[in-house]
C-alpha atoms as a PDB file:
ATOM      1  CA  MET A   1     134.174 -24.885 100.120  1.00  0.00           C
ATOM      2  CA  SER A   2     137.404 -26.328 101.527  1.00  0.00           C
ATOM      3  CA  GLU A   3     138.182 -29.969 102.011  1.00  0.00           C
ATOM      4  CA  TYR A   4     138.567 -30.938 105.667  1.00  0.00           C
ATOM      5  CA  LEU A   5     140.926 -33.510 107.116  1.00  0.00           C
ATOM      6  CA  THR A   6     140.429 -35.581 110.218  1.00  0.00           C
ATOM      7  CA  VAL A   7     143.179 -35.538 112.826  1.00  0.00           C
ATOM      8  CA  LYS A   8     143.935 -39.150 111.903  1.00  0.00           C
ATOM      9  CA  LYS A   9     144.296 -38.338 108.193  1.00  0.00           C
ATOM     10  CA  ALA A  10     146.548 -35.349 108.939  1.00  0.00           C
ATOM     11  CA  ALA A  11     148.726 -37.578 111.109  1.00  0.00           C
ATOM     12  CA  GLU A  12     148.938 -40.184 108.342  1.00  0.00           C
ATOM     13  CA  LEU A  13     149.920 -37.576 105.751  1.00  0.00           C
ATOM     14  CA  LEU A  14     152.717 -36.272 107.988  1.00  0.00           C
ATOM     15  CA  ASN A  15     153.694 -39.733 109.254  1.00  0.00           C
ATOM     16  CA  VAL A  16     153.283 -38.668 112.890  1.00  0.00           C
ATOM     17  CA  THR A  17     150.978 -39.711 115.720  1.00  0.00           C
ATOM     18  CA  VAL A  18     147.535 -38.260 116.343  1.00  0.00           C
ATOM     19  CA  HIS A  19     148.868 -37.089 119.717  1.00  0.00           C
ATOM     20  CA  PHE A  20     151.425 -34.938 117.896  1.00  0.00           C
ATOM     21  CA  ILE A  21     148.669 -33.362 115.767  1.00  0.00           C
ATOM     22  CA  TYR A  22     146.543 -32.675 118.861  1.00  0.00           C
ATOM     23  CA  GLY A  23     149.577 -31.021 120.470  1.00  0.00           C
ATOM     24  CA  GLU A  24     150.149 -28.780 117.457  1.00  0.00           C
ATOM     25  CA  ILE A  25     146.484 -27.765 117.515  1.00  0.00           C
ATOM     26  CA  LYS A  26     146.553 -27.082 121.253  1.00  0.00           C
ATOM     27  CA  ALA A  27     149.742 -25.010 120.881  1.00  0.00           C
ATOM     28  CA  GLY A  28     148.086 -22.929 118.154  1.00  0.00           C
ATOM     29  CA  ARG A  29     150.531 -23.930 115.431  1.00  0.00           C
ATOM     30  CA  LEU A  30     147.896 -25.854 113.436  1.00  0.00           C
ATOM     31  CA  LYS A  31     144.412 -24.400 112.990  1.00  0.00           C
ATOM     32  CA  ALA A  32     141.396 -26.658 113.420  1.00  0.00           C
ATOM     33  CA  ILE A  33     137.676 -26.254 113.793  1.00  0.00           C
ATOM     34  CA  ARG A  34     135.656 -27.989 116.461  1.00  0.00           C
ATOM     35  CA  LEU A  35     132.436 -29.751 115.553  1.00  0.00           C
ATOM     36  CA  GLY A  36     130.617 -30.584 118.755  1.00  0.00           C
ATOM     37  CA  GLU A  37     132.601 -31.392 121.858  1.00  0.00           C
ATOM     38  CA  LYS A  38     135.083 -33.945 120.533  1.00  0.00           C
ATOM     39  CA  ILE A  39     135.337 -33.715 116.752  1.00  0.00           C
ATOM     40  CA  LEU A  40     138.124 -31.663 115.174  1.00  0.00           C
ATOM     41  CA  ARG A  41     138.650 -31.009 111.477  1.00  0.00           C
ATOM     42  CA  ILE A  42     141.531 -29.293 109.718  1.00  0.00           C
ATOM     43  CA  ALA A  43     140.883 -27.274 106.553  1.00  0.00           C
ATOM     44  CA  ARG A  44     143.179 -28.359 103.720  1.00  0.00           C
ATOM     45  CA  PRO A  45     144.503 -24.780 103.164  1.00  0.00           C
ATOM     46  CA  ASP A  46     145.375 -24.490 106.879  1.00  0.00           C
ATOM     47  CA  PHE A  47     147.110 -27.881 106.735  1.00  0.00           C
ATOM     48  CA  GLU A  48     149.158 -26.801 103.703  1.00  0.00           C
ATOM     49  CA  MET A  49     150.092 -23.505 105.383  1.00  0.00           C
ATOM     50  CA  TYR A  50     151.249 -25.468 108.450  1.00  0.00           C
ATOM     51  CA  ILE A  51     153.452 -27.673 106.276  1.00  0.00           C
ATOM     52  CA  ALA A  52     154.914 -24.612 104.511  1.00  0.00           C
ATOM     53  CA  SER A  53     155.679 -22.952 107.855  1.00  0.00           C
ATOM     54  CA  GLN A  54     157.628 -26.015 109.009  1.00  0.00           C
ATOM     55  CA  ARG A  55     160.068 -25.962 106.084  1.00  0.00           C
ATOM     56  CA  SER A  56     163.515 -24.639 106.903  1.00  0.00           C
END
């Protein structure tokens, strides 16, 4: 089973705002799962793939 990050924790790890993370999720660049109507979680492997895709 994968570890899941909150949007807040992902933002802290990347040193960005939660609004930025929500934007990346909405744009489809960062995968997240929805739990209920308002809760989002990001699987650690998806988070790491996102970081790798952002490297130049």
